[in-house]
Amino acid sequence: HPTPTLFDPMAVALLIDPSLCETRPLAVEVDDKGLTTAVEGKPPNATVGLKTDARRFMDFYLSRVAPQ
């Protein structure tokens, strides 16, 4: 992939600045193959990141792990 997938750093970044990603509470389940899917008709059990500004997140992230 041309850009890395930084799931854990994004989760930590959202604790510091929740405006970095559009989120929504959803009900999610993990199947026996390890795939996570949203399910209808159940109460939310997770806050799911839906959309982020990749450049803004990378600037935020890199300024902390590789400051100039």
PDB file of N, CA and C in Angstrom:
ATOM      1  N   HIS A   1       0.834  -1.184   0.000  1.00  0.00           N
ATOM      2  CA  HIS A   1       0.000   0.000   0.000  1.00  0.00           C
ATOM      3  C   HIS A   1       0.882   1.252   0.000  1.00  0.00           C
ATOM      4  N   PRO A   2       0.470   2.283  -0.703  1.00  0.00           N
ATOM      5  CA  PRO A   2       1.288   3.503  -0.756  1.00  0.00           C
ATOM      6  C   PRO A   2       1.302   4.275   0.563  1.00  0.00           C
ATOM      7  N   THR A   3       0.281   4.118   1.384  1.00  0.00           N
ATOM      8  CA  THR A   3       0.269   4.783   2.686  1.00  0.00           C
ATOM      9  C   THR A   3       0.059   3.744   3.769  1.00  0.00           C
ATOM     10  N   PRO A   4       0.676   3.956   4.926  1.00  0.00           N
ATOM     11  CA  PRO A   4       0.524   2.970   6.001  1.00  0.00           C
ATOM     12  C   PRO A   4      -0.858   3.059   6.645  1.00  0.00           C
ATOM     13  N   THR A   5      -1.278   1.959   7.226  1.00  0.00           N
ATOM     14  CA  THR A   5      -2.509   1.926   8.003  1.00  0.00           C
ATOM     15  C   THR A   5      -2.091   1.965   9.469  1.00  0.00           C
ATOM     16  N   LEU A   6      -2.382   3.062  10.130  1.00  0.00           N
ATOM     17  CA  LEU A   6      -1.924   3.289  11.502  1.00  0.00           C
ATOM     18  C   LEU A   6      -3.116   3.273  12.467  1.00  0.00           C
ATOM     19  N   PHE A   7      -3.710   2.097  12.654  1.00  0.00           N
ATOM     20  CA  PHE A   7      -4.899   1.986  13.484  1.00  0.00           C
ATOM     21  C   PHE A   7      -4.632   2.387  14.935  1.00  0.00           C
ATOM     22  N   ASP A   8      -3.596   1.835  15.553  1.00  0.00           N
ATOM     23  CA  ASP A   8      -3.323   2.142  16.954  1.00  0.00           C
ATOM     24  C   ASP A   8      -2.947   3.609  17.156  1.00  0.00           C
ATOM     25  N   PRO A   9      -2.053   4.176  16.337  1.00  0.00           N
ATOM     26  CA  PRO A   9      -1.771   5.607  16.501  1.00  0.00           C
ATOM     27  C   PRO A   9      -3.002   6.478  16.311  1.00  0.00           C
ATOM     28  N   MET A  10      -3.904   6.105  15.415  1.00  0.00           N
ATOM     29  CA  MET A  10      -5.126   6.896  15.231  1.00  0.00           C
ATOM     30  C   MET A  10      -5.986   6.829  16.478  1.00  0.00           C
ATOM     31  N   ALA A  11      -6.108   5.667  17.087  1.00  0.00           N
ATOM     32  CA  ALA A  11      -6.908   5.540  18.306  1.00  0.00           C
ATOM     33  C   ALA A  11      -6.351   6.433  19.411  1.00  0.00           C
ATOM     34  N   VAL A  12      -5.045   6.457  19.575  1.00  0.00           N
ATOM     35  CA  VAL A  12      -4.422   7.312  20.584  1.00  0.00           C
ATOM     36  C   VAL A  12      -4.612   8.780  20.217  1.00  0.00           C
ATOM     37  N   ALA A  13      -4.433   9.112  18.947  1.00  0.00           N
ATOM     38  CA  ALA A  13      -4.603  10.495  18.495  1.00  0.00           C
ATOM     39  C   ALA A  13      -6.019  10.986  18.772  1.00  0.00           C
ATOM     40  N   LEU A  14      -7.011  10.119  18.605  1.00  0.00           N
ATOM     41  CA  LEU A  14      -8.396  10.515  18.857  1.00  0.00           C
ATOM     42  C   LEU A  14      -8.655  10.818  20.328  1.00  0.00           C
ATOM     43  N   LEU A  15      -7.905  10.177  21.209  1.00  0.00           N
ATOM     44  CA  LEU A  15      -8.024  10.506  22.627  1.00  0.00           C
ATOM     45  C   LEU A  15      -7.512  11.919  22.901  1.00  0.00           C
ATOM     46  N   ILE A  16      -6.487  12.314  22.166  1.00  0.00           N
ATOM     47  CA  ILE A  16      -5.895  13.644  22.338  1.00  0.00           C
ATOM     48  C   ILE A  16      -6.703  14.707  21.606  1.00  0.00           C
ATOM     49  N   ASP A  17      -7.113  14.404  20.377  1.00  0.00           N
ATOM     50  CA  ASP A  17      -7.849  15.377  19.550  1.00  0.00           C
ATOM     51  C   ASP A  17      -8.973  14.667  18.792  1.00  0.00           C
ATOM     52  N   PRO A  18     -10.160  14.580  19.390  1.00  0.00           N
ATOM     53  CA  PRO A  18     -11.277  13.874  18.750  1.00  0.00           C
ATOM     54  C   PRO A  18     -11.702  14.453  17.399  1.00  0.00           C
ATOM     55  N   SER A  19     -11.294  15.675  17.093  1.00  0.00           N
ATOM     56  CA  SER A  19     -11.687  16.267  15.813  1.00  0.00           C
ATOM     57  C   SER A  19     -10.897  15.714  14.632  1.00  0.00           C
ATOM     58  N   LEU A  20      -9.909  14.861  14.894  1.00  0.00           N
ATOM     59  CA  LEU A  20      -9.100  14.305  13.807  1.00  0.00           C
ATOM     60  C   LEU A  20      -9.865  13.320  12.924  1.00  0.00           C
ATOM     61  N   CYS A  21     -10.958  12.773  13.441  1.00  0.00           N
ATOM     62  CA  CYS A  21     -11.673  11.751  12.686  1.00  0.00           C
ATOM     63  C   CYS A  21     -13.165  11.842  12.968  1.00  0.00           C
ATOM     64  N   GLU A  22     -13.966  11.699  11.917  1.00  0.00           N
ATOM     65  CA  GLU A  22     -15.417  11.607  12.087  1.00  0.00           C
ATOM     66  C   GLU A  22     -15.717  10.215  12.637  1.00  0.00           C
ATOM     67  N   THR A  23     -16.452  10.159  13.733  1.00  0.00           N
ATOM     68  CA  THR A  23     -16.765   8.871  14.357  1.00  0.00           C
ATOM     69  C   THR A  23     -18.275   8.721  14.526  1.00  0.00           C
ATOM     70  N   ARG A  24     -18.669   7.478  14.798  1.00  0.00           N
ATOM     71  CA  ARG A  24     -20.077   7.190  15.066  1.00  0.00           C
ATOM     72  C   ARG A  24     -20.158   5.956  15.959  1.00  0.00           C
ATOM     73  N   PRO A  25     -21.039   5.977  16.966  1.00  0.00           N
ATOM     74  CA  PRO A  25     -21.238   4.765  17.761  1.00  0.00           C
ATOM     75  C   PRO A  25     -21.966   3.716  16.930  1.00  0.00           C
ATOM     76  N   LEU A  26     -21.423   2.516  16.903  1.00  0.00           N
ATOM     77  CA  LEU A  26     -22.026   1.414  16.143  1.00  0.00           C
ATOM     78  C   LEU A  26     -21.942   0.123  16.947  1.00  0.00           C
ATOM     79  N   ALA A  27     -22.817  -0.796  16.617  1.00  0.00           N
ATOM     80  CA  ALA A  27     -22.706  -2.161  17.130  1.00  0.00           C
ATOM     81  C   ALA A  27     -21.820  -2.931  16.156  1.00  0.00           C
ATOM     82  N   VAL A  28     -20.771  -3.518  16.664  1.00  0.00           N
ATOM     83  CA  VAL A  28     -19.874  -4.306  15.817  1.00  0.00           C
ATOM     84  C   VAL A  28     -19.688  -5.694  16.416  1.00  0.00           C
ATOM     85  N   GLU A  29     -19.421  -6.642  15.538  1.00  0.00           N
ATOM     86  CA  GLU A  29     -19.133  -8.018  15.944  1.00  0.00           C
ATOM     87  C   GLU A  29     -17.941  -8.514  15.154  1.00  0.00           C
ATOM     88  N   VAL A  30     -17.195  -9.432  15.769  1.00  0.00           N
ATOM     89  CA  VAL A  30     -16.069 -10.080  15.102  1.00  0.00           C
ATOM     90  C   VAL A  30     -16.470 -11.525  14.848  1.00  0.00           C
ATOM     91  N   ASP A  31     -16.375 -11.946  13.574  1.00  0.00           N
ATOM     92  CA  ASP A  31     -16.779 -13.317  13.261  1.00  0.00           C
ATOM     93  C   ASP A  31     -15.642 -14.294  13.536  1.00  0.00           C
ATOM     94  N   ASP A  32     -15.892 -15.574  13.291  1.00  0.00           N
ATOM     95  CA  ASP A  32     -14.901 -16.605  13.600  1.00  0.00           C
ATOM     96  C   ASP A  32     -13.678 -16.559  12.688  1.00  0.00           C
ATOM     97  N   LYS A  33     -13.702 -15.726  11.647  1.00  0.00           N
ATOM     98  CA  LYS A  33     -12.544 -15.543  10.774  1.00  0.00           C
ATOM     99  C   LYS A  33     -11.768 -14.275  11.134  1.00  0.00           C
ATOM    100  N   GLY A  34     -12.242 -13.548  12.145  1.00  0.00           N
ATOM    101  CA  GLY A  34     -11.573 -12.346  12.589  1.00  0.00           C
ATOM    102  C   GLY A  34     -12.008 -11.079  11.883  1.00  0.00           C
ATOM    103  N   LEU A  35     -13.066 -11.151  11.068  1.00  0.00           N
ATOM    104  CA  LEU A  35     -13.557  -9.974  10.359  1.00  0.00           C
ATOM    105  C   LEU A  35     -14.539  -9.207  11.238  1.00  0.00           C
ATOM    106  N   THR A  36     -14.367  -7.892  11.289  1.00  0.00           N
ATOM    107  CA  THR A  36     -15.238  -7.026  12.076  1.00  0.00           C
ATOM    108  C   THR A  36     -16.288  -6.422  11.163  1.00  0.00           C
ATOM    109  N   THR A  37     -17.556  -6.533  11.562  1.00  0.00           N
ATOM    110  CA  THR A  37     -18.640  -5.967  10.761  1.00  0.00           C
ATOM    111  C   THR A  37     -19.619  -5.226  11.664  1.00  0.00           C
ATOM    112  N   ALA A  38     -20.253  -4.196  11.098  1.00  0.00           N
ATOM    113  CA  ALA A  38     -21.318  -3.491  11.793  1.00  0.00           C
ATOM    114  C   ALA A  38     -22.581  -4.333  11.710  1.00  0.00           C
ATOM    115  N   VAL A  39     -23.346  -4.347  12.798  1.00  0.00           N
ATOM    116  CA  VAL A  39     -24.595  -5.111  12.820  1.00  0.00           C
ATOM    117  C   VAL A  39     -25.743  -4.174  13.179  1.00  0.00           C
ATOM    118  N   GLU A  40     -26.872  -4.391  12.563  1.00  0.00           N
ATOM    119  CA  GLU A  40     -28.066  -3.588  12.805  1.00  0.00           C
ATOM    120  C   GLU A  40     -28.875  -4.187  13.948  1.00  0.00           C
ATOM    121  N   GLY A  41     -29.629  -3.340  14.619  1.00  0.00           N
ATOM    122  CA  GLY A  41     -30.576  -3.812  15.618  1.00  0.00           C
ATOM    123  C   GLY A  41     -30.000  -4.108  16.984  1.00  0.00           C
ATOM    124  N   LYS A  42     -28.750  -3.779  17.217  1.00  0.00           N
ATOM    125  CA  LYS A  42     -28.131  -3.988  18.521  1.00  0.00           C
ATOM    126  C   LYS A  42     -27.616  -2.647  19.025  1.00  0.00           C
ATOM    127  N   PRO A  43     -27.506  -2.504  20.341  1.00  0.00           N
ATOM    128  CA  PRO A  43     -26.985  -1.241  20.869  1.00  0.00           C
ATOM    129  C   PRO A  43     -25.497  -1.088  20.528  1.00  0.00           C
ATOM    130  N   PRO A  44     -25.042   0.136  20.344  1.00  0.00           N
ATOM    131  CA  PRO A  44     -23.629   0.360  20.022  1.00  0.00           C
ATOM    132  C   PRO A  44     -22.710  -0.188  21.106  1.00  0.00           C
ATOM    133  N   ASN A  45     -21.609  -0.786  20.675  1.00  0.00           N
ATOM    134  CA  ASN A  45     -20.601  -1.288  21.607  1.00  0.00           C
ATOM    135  C   ASN A  45     -19.204  -0.778  21.251  1.00  0.00           C
ATOM    136  N   ALA A  46     -19.155   0.161  20.283  1.00  0.00           N
ATOM    137  CA  ALA A  46     -17.863   0.723  19.874  1.00  0.00           C
ATOM    138  C   ALA A  46     -18.088   2.087  19.232  1.00  0.00           C
ATOM    139  N   THR A  47     -17.070   2.907  19.312  1.00  0.00           N
ATOM    140  CA  THR A  47     -17.048   4.157  18.558  1.00  0.00           C
ATOM    141  C   THR A  47     -16.153   3.895  17.355  1.00  0.00           C
ATOM    142  N   VAL A  48     -16.707   4.032  16.171  1.00  0.00           N
ATOM    143  CA  VAL A  48     -16.023   3.639  14.941  1.00  0.00           C
ATOM    144  C   VAL A  48     -15.594   4.878  14.165  1.00  0.00           C
ATOM    145  N   GLY A  49     -14.324   4.905  13.774  1.00  0.00           N
ATOM    146  CA  GLY A  49     -13.824   5.978  12.932  1.00  0.00           C
ATOM    147  C   GLY A  49     -14.291   5.765  11.503  1.00  0.00           C
ATOM    148  N   LEU A  50     -14.892   6.790  10.924  1.00  0.00           N
ATOM    149  CA  LEU A  50     -15.450   6.661   9.582  1.00  0.00           C
ATOM    150  C   LEU A  50     -14.653   7.405   8.525  1.00  0.00           C
ATOM    151  N   LYS A  51     -14.156   8.573   8.872  1.00  0.00           N
ATOM    152  CA  LYS A  51     -13.512   9.409   7.868  1.00  0.00           C
ATOM    153  C   LYS A  51     -12.500  10.316   8.552  1.00  0.00           C
ATOM    154  N   THR A  52     -11.337  10.452   7.953  1.00  0.00           N
ATOM    155  CA  THR A  52     -10.319  11.339   8.499  1.00  0.00           C
ATOM    156  C   THR A  52      -9.636  12.105   7.381  1.00  0.00           C
ATOM    157  N   ASP A  53      -9.046  13.200   7.743  1.00  0.00           N
ATOM    158  CA  ASP A  53      -8.199  13.952   6.823  1.00  0.00           C
ATOM    159  C   ASP A  53      -6.794  13.386   7.002  1.00  0.00           C
ATOM    160  N   ALA A  54      -6.357  12.560   6.076  1.00  0.00           N
ATOM    161  CA  ALA A  54      -5.092  11.838   6.209  1.00  0.00           C
ATOM    162  C   ALA A  54      -3.915  12.788   6.404  1.00  0.00           C
ATOM    163  N   ARG A  55      -3.873  13.866   5.667  1.00  0.00           N
ATOM    164  CA  ARG A  55      -2.758  14.816   5.790  1.00  0.00           C
ATOM    165  C   ARG A  55      -2.720  15.427   7.188  1.00  0.00           C
ATOM    166  N   ARG A  56      -3.888  15.832   7.688  1.00  0.00           N
ATOM    167  CA  ARG A  56      -3.948  16.435   9.030  1.00  0.00           C
ATOM    168  C   ARG A  56      -3.514  15.437  10.096  1.00  0.00           C
ATOM    169  N   PHE A  57      -3.968  14.179   9.976  1.00  0.00           N
ATOM    170  CA  PHE A  57      -3.551  13.156  10.931  1.00  0.00           C
ATOM    171  C   PHE A  57      -2.050  12.923  10.857  1.00  0.00           C
ATOM    172  N   MET A  58      -1.501  12.785   9.658  1.00  0.00           N
ATOM    173  CA  MET A  58      -0.057  12.526   9.524  1.00  0.00           C
ATOM    174  C   MET A  58       0.759  13.686  10.089  1.00  0.00           C
ATOM    175  N   ASP A  59       0.319  14.907   9.869  1.00  0.00           N
ATOM    176  CA  ASP A  59       1.011  16.061  10.457  1.00  0.00           C
ATOM    177  C   ASP A  59       0.985  15.975  11.984  1.00  0.00           C
ATOM    178  N   PHE A  60      -0.179  15.648  12.531  1.00  0.00           N
ATOM    179  CA  PHE A  60      -0.337  15.490  13.975  1.00  0.00           C
ATOM    180  C   PHE A  60       0.592  14.384  14.500  1.00  0.00           C
ATOM    181  N   TYR A  61       0.559  13.248  13.840  1.00  0.00           N
ATOM    182  CA  TYR A  61       1.339  12.077  14.255  1.00  0.00           C
ATOM    183  C   TYR A  61       2.839  12.334  14.153  1.00  0.00           C
ATOM    184  N   LEU A  62       3.271  12.789  13.001  1.00  0.00           N
ATOM    185  CA  LEU A  62       4.709  12.978  12.786  1.00  0.00           C
ATOM    186  C   LEU A  62       5.275  14.076  13.680  1.00  0.00           C
ATOM    187  N   SER A  63       4.484  15.074  14.008  1.00  0.00           N
ATOM    188  CA  SER A  63       4.990  16.134  14.895  1.00  0.00           C
ATOM    189  C   SER A  63       5.281  15.602  16.301  1.00  0.00           C
ATOM    190  N   ARG A  64       4.721  14.436  16.615  1.00  0.00           N
ATOM    191  CA  ARG A  64       4.962  13.844  17.932  1.00  0.00           C
ATOM    192  C   ARG A  64       6.023  12.742  17.907  1.00  0.00           C
ATOM    193  N   VAL A  65       6.079  11.964  16.862  1.00  0.00           N
ATOM    194  CA  VAL A  65       7.041  10.856  16.830  1.00  0.00           C
ATOM    195  C   VAL A  65       8.352  11.236  16.161  1.00  0.00           C
ATOM    196  N   ALA A  66       8.341  12.305  15.350  1.00  0.00           N
ATOM    197  CA  ALA A  66       9.563  12.742  14.667  1.00  0.00           C
ATOM    198  C   ALA A  66       9.592  14.267  14.592  1.00  0.00           C
ATOM    199  N   PRO A  67       9.601  14.938  15.766  1.00  0.00           N
ATOM    200  CA  PRO A  67       9.605  16.399  15.727  1.00  0.00           C
ATOM    201  C   PRO A  67      10.877  16.925  15.067  1.00  0.00           C
ATOM    202  N   GLN A  68      10.732  18.066  14.428  1.00  0.00           N
ATOM    203  CA  GLN A  68      11.901  18.643  13.737  1.00  0.00           C
ATOM    204  C   GLN A  68      12.842  19.316  14.691  1.00  0.00           C
TER     205      GLN A  68
END
